[in-house]
Amino acid sequence: VLAMDTGNLTALHALADEATAPKLG
């Protein structure tokens, strides 16, 4: 999961569970 900016990355981390969090960048 590729966030376009740090604001969206922060929003993604807030939604992420254990399985999803390692996918984010």
mmCIF file of all heavy atoms, coordinates in Angstrom:
data_MODEL
# 
_entry.id   MODEL 
# 
loop_
_atom_site.group_PDB 
_atom_site.id 
_atom_site.type_symbol 
_atom_site.label_atom_id 
_atom_site.label_alt_id 
_atom_site.label_comp_id 
_atom_site.label_asym_id 
_atom_site.label_entity_id 
_atom_site.label_seq_id 
_atom_site.pdbx_PDB_ins_code 
_atom_site.Cartn_x 
_atom_site.Cartn_y 
_atom_site.Cartn_z 
_atom_site.occupancy 
_atom_site.B_iso_or_equiv 
_atom_site.pdbx_formal_charge 
_atom_site.auth_seq_id 
_atom_site.auth_comp_id 
_atom_site.auth_asym_id 
_atom_site.auth_atom_id 
_atom_site.pdbx_PDB_model_num 
ATOM 1   N N   . VAL A 1 1  ? 0.869  -1.177 0.000  1.00 0.00 ? 1  VAL A N   1 
ATOM 2   C CA  . VAL A 1 1  ? 0.000  0.000  0.000  1.00 0.00 ? 1  VAL A CA  1 
ATOM 3   C C   . VAL A 1 1  ? 0.905  1.227  0.000  1.00 0.00 ? 1  VAL A C   1 
ATOM 4   O O   . VAL A 1 1  ? 1.702  1.419  0.922  1.00 0.00 ? 1  VAL A O   1 
ATOM 5   C CB  . VAL A 1 1  ? -0.941 0.014  1.221  1.00 0.00 ? 1  VAL A CB  1 
ATOM 6   C CG1 . VAL A 1 1  ? -1.847 1.242  1.177  1.00 0.00 ? 1  VAL A CG1 1 
ATOM 7   C CG2 . VAL A 1 1  ? -1.758 -1.274 1.281  1.00 0.00 ? 1  VAL A CG2 1 
ATOM 8   N N   . LEU A 1 2  ? 0.778  2.044  -1.035 1.00 0.00 ? 2  LEU A N   1 
ATOM 9   C CA  . LEU A 1 2  ? 1.661  3.182  -1.249 1.00 0.00 ? 2  LEU A CA  1 
ATOM 10  C C   . LEU A 1 2  ? 0.915  4.496  -1.049 1.00 0.00 ? 2  LEU A C   1 
ATOM 11  O O   . LEU A 1 2  ? 0.075  4.880  -1.864 1.00 0.00 ? 2  LEU A O   1 
ATOM 12  C CB  . LEU A 1 2  ? 2.240  3.123  -2.660 1.00 0.00 ? 2  LEU A CB  1 
ATOM 13  C CG  . LEU A 1 2  ? 3.026  1.846  -2.980 1.00 0.00 ? 2  LEU A CG  1 
ATOM 14  C CD1 . LEU A 1 2  ? 3.306  1.749  -4.465 1.00 0.00 ? 2  LEU A CD1 1 
ATOM 15  C CD2 . LEU A 1 2  ? 4.313  1.815  -2.167 1.00 0.00 ? 2  LEU A CD2 1 
ATOM 16  N N   . ALA A 1 3  ? 1.229  5.184  0.035  1.00 0.00 ? 3  ALA A N   1 
ATOM 17  C CA  . ALA A 1 3  ? 0.629  6.487  0.324  1.00 0.00 ? 3  ALA A CA  1 
ATOM 18  C C   . ALA A 1 3  ? 1.378  7.569  -0.446 1.00 0.00 ? 3  ALA A C   1 
ATOM 19  O O   . ALA A 1 3  ? 2.604  7.533  -0.549 1.00 0.00 ? 3  ALA A O   1 
ATOM 20  C CB  . ALA A 1 3  ? 0.704  6.781  1.820  1.00 0.00 ? 3  ALA A CB  1 
ATOM 21  N N   . MET A 1 4  ? 0.630  8.524  -0.963 1.00 0.00 ? 4  MET A N   1 
ATOM 22  C CA  . MET A 1 4  ? 1.246  9.606  -1.712 1.00 0.00 ? 4  MET A CA  1 
ATOM 23  C C   . MET A 1 4  ? 1.955  10.628 -0.815 1.00 0.00 ? 4  MET A C   1 
ATOM 24  O O   . MET A 1 4  ? 2.839  11.331 -1.273 1.00 0.00 ? 4  MET A O   1 
ATOM 25  C CB  . MET A 1 4  ? 0.202  10.322 -2.577 1.00 0.00 ? 4  MET A CB  1 
ATOM 26  C CG  . MET A 1 4  ? -0.366 9.461  -3.685 1.00 0.00 ? 4  MET A CG  1 
ATOM 27  S SD  . MET A 1 4  ? 0.863  9.079  -4.960 1.00 0.00 ? 4  MET A SD  1 
ATOM 28  C CE  . MET A 1 4  ? 1.043  7.329  -4.733 1.00 0.00 ? 4  MET A CE  1 
ATOM 29  N N   . ASP A 1 5  ? 1.557  10.690 0.465  1.00 0.00 ? 5  ASP A N   1 
ATOM 30  C CA  . ASP A 1 5  ? 2.216  11.634 1.375  1.00 0.00 ? 5  ASP A CA  1 
ATOM 31  C C   . ASP A 1 5  ? 2.111  11.140 2.809  1.00 0.00 ? 5  ASP A C   1 
ATOM 32  O O   . ASP A 1 5  ? 1.399  10.180 3.101  1.00 0.00 ? 5  ASP A O   1 
ATOM 33  C CB  . ASP A 1 5  ? 1.650  13.049 1.227  1.00 0.00 ? 5  ASP A CB  1 
ATOM 34  C CG  . ASP A 1 5  ? 0.171  13.140 1.515  1.00 0.00 ? 5  ASP A CG  1 
ATOM 35  O OD1 . ASP A 1 5  ? -0.296 12.549 2.501  1.00 0.00 ? 5  ASP A OD1 1 
ATOM 36  O OD2 . ASP A 1 5  ? -0.537 13.814 0.739  1.00 0.00 ? 5  ASP A OD2 1 
ATOM 37  N N   . THR A 1 6  ? 2.838  11.802 3.711  1.00 0.00 ? 6  THR A N   1 
ATOM 38  C CA  . THR A 1 6  ? 2.875  11.364 5.108  1.00 0.00 ? 6  THR A CA  1 
ATOM 39  C C   . THR A 1 6  ? 1.522  11.510 5.797  1.00 0.00 ? 6  THR A C   1 
ATOM 40  O O   . THR A 1 6  ? 1.207  10.720 6.687  1.00 0.00 ? 6  THR A O   1 
ATOM 41  C CB  . THR A 1 6  ? 3.959  12.119 5.893  1.00 0.00 ? 6  THR A CB  1 
ATOM 42  O OG1 . THR A 1 6  ? 3.780  13.524 5.704  1.00 0.00 ? 6  THR A OG1 1 
ATOM 43  C CG2 . THR A 1 6  ? 5.348  11.730 5.443  1.00 0.00 ? 6  THR A CG2 1 
ATOM 44  N N   . GLY A 1 7  ? 0.716  12.482 5.408  1.00 0.00 ? 7  GLY A N   1 
ATOM 45  C CA  . GLY A 1 7  ? -0.619 12.619 5.989  1.00 0.00 ? 7  GLY A CA  1 
ATOM 46  C C   . GLY A 1 7  ? -1.481 11.405 5.696  1.00 0.00 ? 7  GLY A C   1 
ATOM 47  O O   . GLY A 1 7  ? -2.180 10.885 6.580  1.00 0.00 ? 7  GLY A O   1 
ATOM 48  N N   . ASN A 1 8  ? -1.431 10.937 4.465  1.00 0.00 ? 8  ASN A N   1 
ATOM 49  C CA  . ASN A 1 8  ? -2.198 9.748  4.105  1.00 0.00 ? 8  ASN A CA  1 
ATOM 50  C C   . ASN A 1 8  ? -1.592 8.486  4.709  1.00 0.00 ? 8  ASN A C   1 
ATOM 51  O O   . ASN A 1 8  ? -2.316 7.562  5.069  1.00 0.00 ? 8  ASN A O   1 
ATOM 52  C CB  . ASN A 1 8  ? -2.324 9.627  2.587  1.00 0.00 ? 8  ASN A CB  1 
ATOM 53  C CG  . ASN A 1 8  ? -3.322 10.620 2.057  1.00 0.00 ? 8  ASN A CG  1 
ATOM 54  O OD1 . ASN A 1 8  ? -4.505 10.538 2.352  1.00 0.00 ? 8  ASN A OD1 1 
ATOM 55  N ND2 . ASN A 1 8  ? -2.854 11.583 1.291  1.00 0.00 ? 8  ASN A ND2 1 
ATOM 56  N N   . LEU A 1 9  ? -0.281 8.456  4.864  1.00 0.00 ? 9  LEU A N   1 
ATOM 57  C CA  . LEU A 1 9  ? 0.357  7.317  5.517  1.00 0.00 ? 9  LEU A CA  1 
ATOM 58  C C   . LEU A 1 9  ? -0.092 7.231  6.979  1.00 0.00 ? 9  LEU A C   1 
ATOM 59  O O   . LEU A 1 9  ? -0.394 6.145  7.481  1.00 0.00 ? 9  LEU A O   1 
ATOM 60  C CB  . LEU A 1 9  ? 1.880  7.423  5.426  1.00 0.00 ? 9  LEU A CB  1 
ATOM 61  C CG  . LEU A 1 9  ? 2.677  6.243  5.966  1.00 0.00 ? 9  LEU A CG  1 
ATOM 62  C CD1 . LEU A 1 9  ? 2.289  4.941  5.275  1.00 0.00 ? 9  LEU A CD1 1 
ATOM 63  C CD2 . LEU A 1 9  ? 4.170  6.513  5.825  1.00 0.00 ? 9  LEU A CD2 1 
ATOM 64  N N   . THR A 1 10 ? -0.193 8.379  7.643  1.00 0.00 ? 10 THR A N   1 
ATOM 65  C CA  . THR A 1 10 ? -0.693 8.414  9.020  1.00 0.00 ? 10 THR A CA  1 
ATOM 66  C C   . THR A 1 10 ? -2.125 7.898  9.084  1.00 0.00 ? 10 THR A C   1 
ATOM 67  O O   . THR A 1 10 ? -2.477 7.103  9.968  1.00 0.00 ? 10 THR A O   1 
ATOM 68  C CB  . THR A 1 10 ? -0.600 9.839  9.590  1.00 0.00 ? 10 THR A CB  1 
ATOM 69  O OG1 . THR A 1 10 ? 0.778  10.231 9.590  1.00 0.00 ? 10 THR A OG1 1 
ATOM 70  C CG2 . THR A 1 10 ? -1.159 9.928  10.990 1.00 0.00 ? 10 THR A CG2 1 
ATOM 71  N N   . ALA A 1 11 ? -2.962 8.321  8.144  1.00 0.00 ? 11 ALA A N   1 
ATOM 72  C CA  . ALA A 1 11 ? -4.346 7.843  8.093  1.00 0.00 ? 11 ALA A CA  1 
ATOM 73  C C   . ALA A 1 11 ? -4.394 6.333  7.861  1.00 0.00 ? 11 ALA A C   1 
ATOM 74  O O   . ALA A 1 11 ? -5.216 5.630  8.457  1.00 0.00 ? 11 ALA A O   1 
ATOM 75  C CB  . ALA A 1 11 ? -5.122 8.573  6.998  1.00 0.00 ? 11 ALA A CB  1 
ATOM 76  N N   . LEU A 1 12 ? -3.506 5.829  7.016  1.00 0.00 ? 12 LEU A N   1 
ATOM 77  C CA  . LEU A 1 12 ? -3.461 4.385  6.763  1.00 0.00 ? 12 LEU A CA  1 
ATOM 78  C C   . LEU A 1 12 ? -3.056 3.618  8.019  1.00 0.00 ? 12 LEU A C   1 
ATOM 79  O O   . LEU A 1 12 ? -3.636 2.577  8.328  1.00 0.00 ? 12 LEU A O   1 
ATOM 80  C CB  . LEU A 1 12 ? -2.487 4.078  5.626  1.00 0.00 ? 12 LEU A CB  1 
ATOM 81  C CG  . LEU A 1 12 ? -2.985 4.414  4.229  1.00 0.00 ? 12 LEU A CG  1 
ATOM 82  C CD1 . LEU A 1 12 ? -1.832 4.418  3.234  1.00 0.00 ? 12 LEU A CD1 1 
ATOM 83  C CD2 . LEU A 1 12 ? -4.068 3.447  3.799  1.00 0.00 ? 12 LEU A CD2 1 
ATOM 84  N N   . HIS A 1 13 ? -2.062 4.137  8.743  1.00 0.00 ? 13 HIS A N   1 
ATOM 85  C CA  . HIS A 1 13 ? -1.638 3.469  9.981  1.00 0.00 ? 13 HIS A CA  1 
ATOM 86  C C   . HIS A 1 13 ? -2.773 3.410  10.993 1.00 0.00 ? 13 HIS A C   1 
ATOM 87  O O   . HIS A 1 13 ? -2.893 2.432  11.735 1.00 0.00 ? 13 HIS A O   1 
ATOM 88  C CB  . HIS A 1 13 ? -0.406 4.153  10.573 1.00 0.00 ? 13 HIS A CB  1 
ATOM 89  C CG  . HIS A 1 13 ? 0.875  3.694  9.940  1.00 0.00 ? 13 HIS A CG  1 
ATOM 90  N ND1 . HIS A 1 13 ? 1.378  2.429  10.110 1.00 0.00 ? 13 HIS A ND1 1 
ATOM 91  C CD2 . HIS A 1 13 ? 1.746  4.338  9.132  1.00 0.00 ? 13 HIS A CD2 1 
ATOM 92  C CE1 . HIS A 1 13 ? 2.510  2.303  9.429  1.00 0.00 ? 13 HIS A CE1 1 
ATOM 93  N NE2 . HIS A 1 13 ? 2.756  3.455  8.827  1.00 0.00 ? 13 HIS A NE2 1 
ATOM 94  N N   . ALA A 1 14 ? -3.614 4.429  11.008 1.00 0.00 ? 14 ALA A N   1 
ATOM 95  C CA  . ALA A 1 14 ? -4.750 4.443  11.936 1.00 0.00 ? 14 ALA A CA  1 
ATOM 96  C C   . ALA A 1 14 ? -5.772 3.354  11.588 1.00 0.00 ? 14 ALA A C   1 
ATOM 97  O O   . ALA A 1 14 ? -6.467 2.861  12.471 1.00 0.00 ? 14 ALA A O   1 
ATOM 98  C CB  . ALA A 1 14 ? -5.424 5.818  11.926 1.00 0.00 ? 14 ALA A CB  1 
ATOM 99  N N   . LEU A 1 15 ? -5.844 2.973  10.325 1.00 0.00 ? 15 LEU A N   1 
ATOM 100 C CA  . LEU A 1 15 ? -6.774 1.937  9.875  1.00 0.00 ? 15 LEU A CA  1 
ATOM 101 C C   . LEU A 1 15 ? -6.171 0.535  9.891  1.00 0.00 ? 15 LEU A C   1 
ATOM 102 O O   . LEU A 1 15 ? -6.888 -0.457 9.807  1.00 0.00 ? 15 LEU A O   1 
ATOM 103 C CB  . LEU A 1 15 ? -7.231 2.234  8.441  1.00 0.00 ? 15 LEU A CB  1 
ATOM 104 C CG  . LEU A 1 15 ? -7.996 3.520  8.211  1.00 0.00 ? 15 LEU A CG  1 
ATOM 105 C CD1 . LEU A 1 15 ? -8.172 3.750  6.714  1.00 0.00 ? 15 LEU A CD1 1 
ATOM 106 C CD2 . LEU A 1 15 ? -9.350 3.463  8.905  1.00 0.00 ? 15 LEU A CD2 1 
ATOM 107 N N   . ALA A 1 16 ? -4.853 0.469  9.967  1.00 0.00 ? 16 ALA A N   1 
ATOM 108 C CA  . ALA A 1 16 ? -4.148 -0.800 9.784  1.00 0.00 ? 16 ALA A CA  1 
ATOM 109 C C   . ALA A 1 16 ? -4.275 -1.717 10.995 1.00 0.00 ? 16 ALA A C   1 
ATOM 110 O O   . ALA A 1 16 ? -4.318 -1.271 12.135 1.00 0.00 ? 16 ALA A O   1 
ATOM 111 C CB  . ALA A 1 16 ? -2.681 -0.530 9.496  1.00 0.00 ? 16 ALA A CB  1 
ATOM 112 N N   . ASP A 1 17 ? -4.293 -3.017 10.695 1.00 0.00 ? 17 ASP A N   1 
ATOM 113 C CA  . ASP A 1 17 ? -4.201 -4.024 11.737 1.00 0.00 ? 17 ASP A CA  1 
ATOM 114 C C   . ASP A 1 17 ? -2.811 -4.658 11.642 1.00 0.00 ? 17 ASP A C   1 
ATOM 115 O O   . ASP A 1 17 ? -1.975 -4.198 10.868 1.00 0.00 ? 17 ASP A O   1 
ATOM 116 C CB  . ASP A 1 17 ? -5.326 -5.059 11.591 1.00 0.00 ? 17 ASP A CB  1 
ATOM 117 C CG  . ASP A 1 17 ? -5.310 -5.768 10.248 1.00 0.00 ? 17 ASP A CG  1 
ATOM 118 O OD1 . ASP A 1 17 ? -4.280 -5.760 9.545  1.00 0.00 ? 17 ASP A OD1 1 
ATOM 119 O OD2 . ASP A 1 17 ? -6.359 -6.357 9.890  1.00 0.00 ? 17 ASP A OD2 1 
ATOM 120 N N   . GLU A 1 18 ? -2.579 -5.712 12.388 1.00 0.00 ? 18 GLU A N   1 
ATOM 121 C CA  . GLU A 1 18 ? -1.262 -6.354 12.400 1.00 0.00 ? 18 GLU A CA  1 
ATOM 122 C C   . GLU A 1 18 ? -0.837 -6.852 11.021 1.00 0.00 ? 18 GLU A C   1 
ATOM 123 O O   . GLU A 1 18 ? 0.337  -6.802 10.671 1.00 0.00 ? 18 GLU A O   1 
ATOM 124 C CB  . GLU A 1 18 ? -1.255 -7.540 13.369 1.00 0.00 ? 18 GLU A CB  1 
ATOM 125 C CG  . GLU A 1 18 ? -1.228 -7.173 14.807 1.00 0.00 ? 18 GLU A CG  1 
ATOM 126 C CD  . GLU A 1 18 ? -1.226 -8.417 15.705 1.00 0.00 ? 18 GLU A CD  1 
ATOM 127 O OE1 . GLU A 1 18 ? -0.983 -9.538 15.208 1.00 0.00 ? 18 GLU A OE1 1 
ATOM 128 O OE2 . GLU A 1 18 ? -1.477 -8.238 16.907 1.00 0.00 ? 18 GLU A OE2 1 
ATOM 129 N N   . ALA A 1 19 ? -1.791 -7.352 10.250 1.00 0.00 ? 19 ALA A N   1 
ATOM 130 C CA  . ALA A 1 19 ? -1.475 -7.894 8.935  1.00 0.00 ? 19 ALA A CA  1 
ATOM 131 C C   . ALA A 1 19 ? -1.235 -6.793 7.906  1.00 0.00 ? 19 ALA A C   1 
ATOM 132 O O   . ALA A 1 19 ? -0.446 -6.957 6.978  1.00 0.00 ? 19 ALA A O   1 
ATOM 133 C CB  . ALA A 1 19 ? -2.598 -8.806 8.452  1.00 0.00 ? 19 ALA A CB  1 
ATOM 134 N N   . THR A 1 20 ? -1.918 -5.664 8.070  1.00 0.00 ? 20 THR A N   1 
ATOM 135 C CA  . THR A 1 20 ? -1.838 -4.584 7.093  1.00 0.00 ? 20 THR A CA  1 
ATOM 136 C C   . THR A 1 20 ? -0.643 -3.665 7.321  1.00 0.00 ? 20 THR A C   1 
ATOM 137 O O   . THR A 1 20 ? -0.024 -3.203 6.365  1.00 0.00 ? 20 THR A O   1 
ATOM 138 C CB  . THR A 1 20 ? -3.134 -3.739 7.133  1.00 0.00 ? 20 THR A CB  1 
ATOM 139 O OG1 . THR A 1 20 ? -4.246 -4.607 6.934  1.00 0.00 ? 20 THR A OG1 1 
ATOM 140 C CG2 . THR A 1 20 ? -3.145 -2.687 6.047  1.00 0.00 ? 20 THR A CG2 1 
ATOM 141 N N   . ALA A 1 21 ? -0.302 -3.388 8.552  1.00 0.00 ? 21 ALA A N   1 
ATOM 142 C CA  . ALA A 1 21 ? 0.740  -2.405 8.871  1.00 0.00 ? 21 ALA A CA  1 
ATOM 143 C C   . ALA A 1 21 ? 2.060  -2.623 8.126  1.00 0.00 ? 21 ALA A C   1 
ATOM 144 O O   . ALA A 1 21 ? 2.637  -1.658 7.612  1.00 0.00 ? 21 ALA A O   1 
ATOM 145 C CB  . ALA A 1 21 ? 0.960  -2.346 10.379 1.00 0.00 ? 21 ALA A CB  1 
ATOM 146 N N   . PRO A 1 22 ? 2.553  -3.855 8.001  1.00 0.00 ? 22 PRO A N   1 
ATOM 147 C CA  . PRO A 1 22 ? 3.828  -4.041 7.290  1.00 0.00 ? 22 PRO A CA  1 
ATOM 148 C C   . PRO A 1 22 ? 3.765  -3.733 5.788  1.00 0.00 ? 22 PRO A C   1 
ATOM 149 O O   . PRO A 1 22 ? 4.796  -3.591 5.140  1.00 0.00 ? 22 PRO A O   1 
ATOM 150 C CB  . PRO A 1 22 ? 4.162  -5.524 7.512  1.00 0.00 ? 22 PRO A CB  1 
ATOM 151 C CG  . PRO A 1 22 ? 3.315  -5.965 8.644  1.00 0.00 ? 22 PRO A CG  1 
ATOM 152 C CD  . PRO A 1 22 ? 2.104  -5.093 8.639  1.00 0.00 ? 22 PRO A CD  1 
ATOM 153 N N   . LYS A 1 23 ? 2.572  -3.636 5.234  1.00 0.00 ? 23 LYS A N   1 
ATOM 154 C CA  . LYS A 1 23 ? 2.391  -3.367 3.805  1.00 0.00 ? 23 LYS A CA  1 
ATOM 155 C C   . LYS A 1 23 ? 2.508  -1.883 3.472  1.00 0.00 ? 23 LYS A C   1 
ATOM 156 O O   . LYS A 1 23 ? 2.583  -1.515 2.305  1.00 0.00 ? 23 LYS A O   1 
ATOM 157 C CB  . LYS A 1 23 ? 0.999  -3.812 3.340  1.00 0.00 ? 23 LYS A CB  1 
ATOM 158 C CG  . LYS A 1 23 ? 0.646  -5.240 3.561  1.00 0.00 ? 23 LYS A CG  1 
ATOM 159 C CD  . LYS A 1 23 ? -0.797 -5.444 3.098  1.00 0.00 ? 23 LYS A CD  1 
ATOM 160 C CE  . LYS A 1 23 ? -1.322 -6.812 3.358  1.00 0.00 ? 23 LYS A CE  1 
ATOM 161 N NZ  . LYS A 1 23 ? -2.683 -6.975 2.836  1.00 0.00 ? 23 LYS A NZ  1 
ATOM 162 N N   . LEU A 1 24 ? 2.452  -1.018 4.469  1.00 0.00 ? 24 LEU A N   1 
ATOM 163 C CA  . LEU A 1 24 ? 2.322  0.418  4.255  1.00 0.00 ? 24 LEU A CA  1 
ATOM 164 C C   . LEU A 1 24 ? 3.654  1.104  4.035  1.00 0.00 ? 24 LEU A C   1 
ATOM 165 O O   . LEU A 1 24 ? 4.649  0.786  4.682  1.00 0.00 ? 24 LEU A O   1 
ATOM 166 C CB  . LEU A 1 24 ? 1.631  1.061  5.467  1.00 0.00 ? 24 LEU A CB  1 
ATOM 167 C CG  . LEU A 1 24 ? 0.304  0.457  5.912  1.00 0.00 ? 24 LEU A CG  1 
ATOM 168 C CD1 . LEU A 1 24 ? -0.211 1.200  7.131  1.00 0.00 ? 24 LEU A CD1 1 
ATOM 169 C CD2 . LEU A 1 24 ? -0.713 0.474  4.788  1.00 0.00 ? 24 LEU A CD2 1 
ATOM 170 N N   . GLY A 1 25 ? 3.654  2.091  3.122  1.00 0.00 ? 25 GLY A N   1 
ATOM 171 C CA  . GLY A 1 25 ? 4.848  2.894  2.887  1.00 0.00 ? 25 GLY A CA  1 
ATOM 172 C C   . GLY A 1 25 ? 4.531  4.095  2.022  1.00 0.00 ? 25 GLY A C   1 
ATOM 173 O O   . GLY A 1 25 ? 3.430  4.223  1.485  1.00 0.00 ? 25 GLY A O   1 
# 
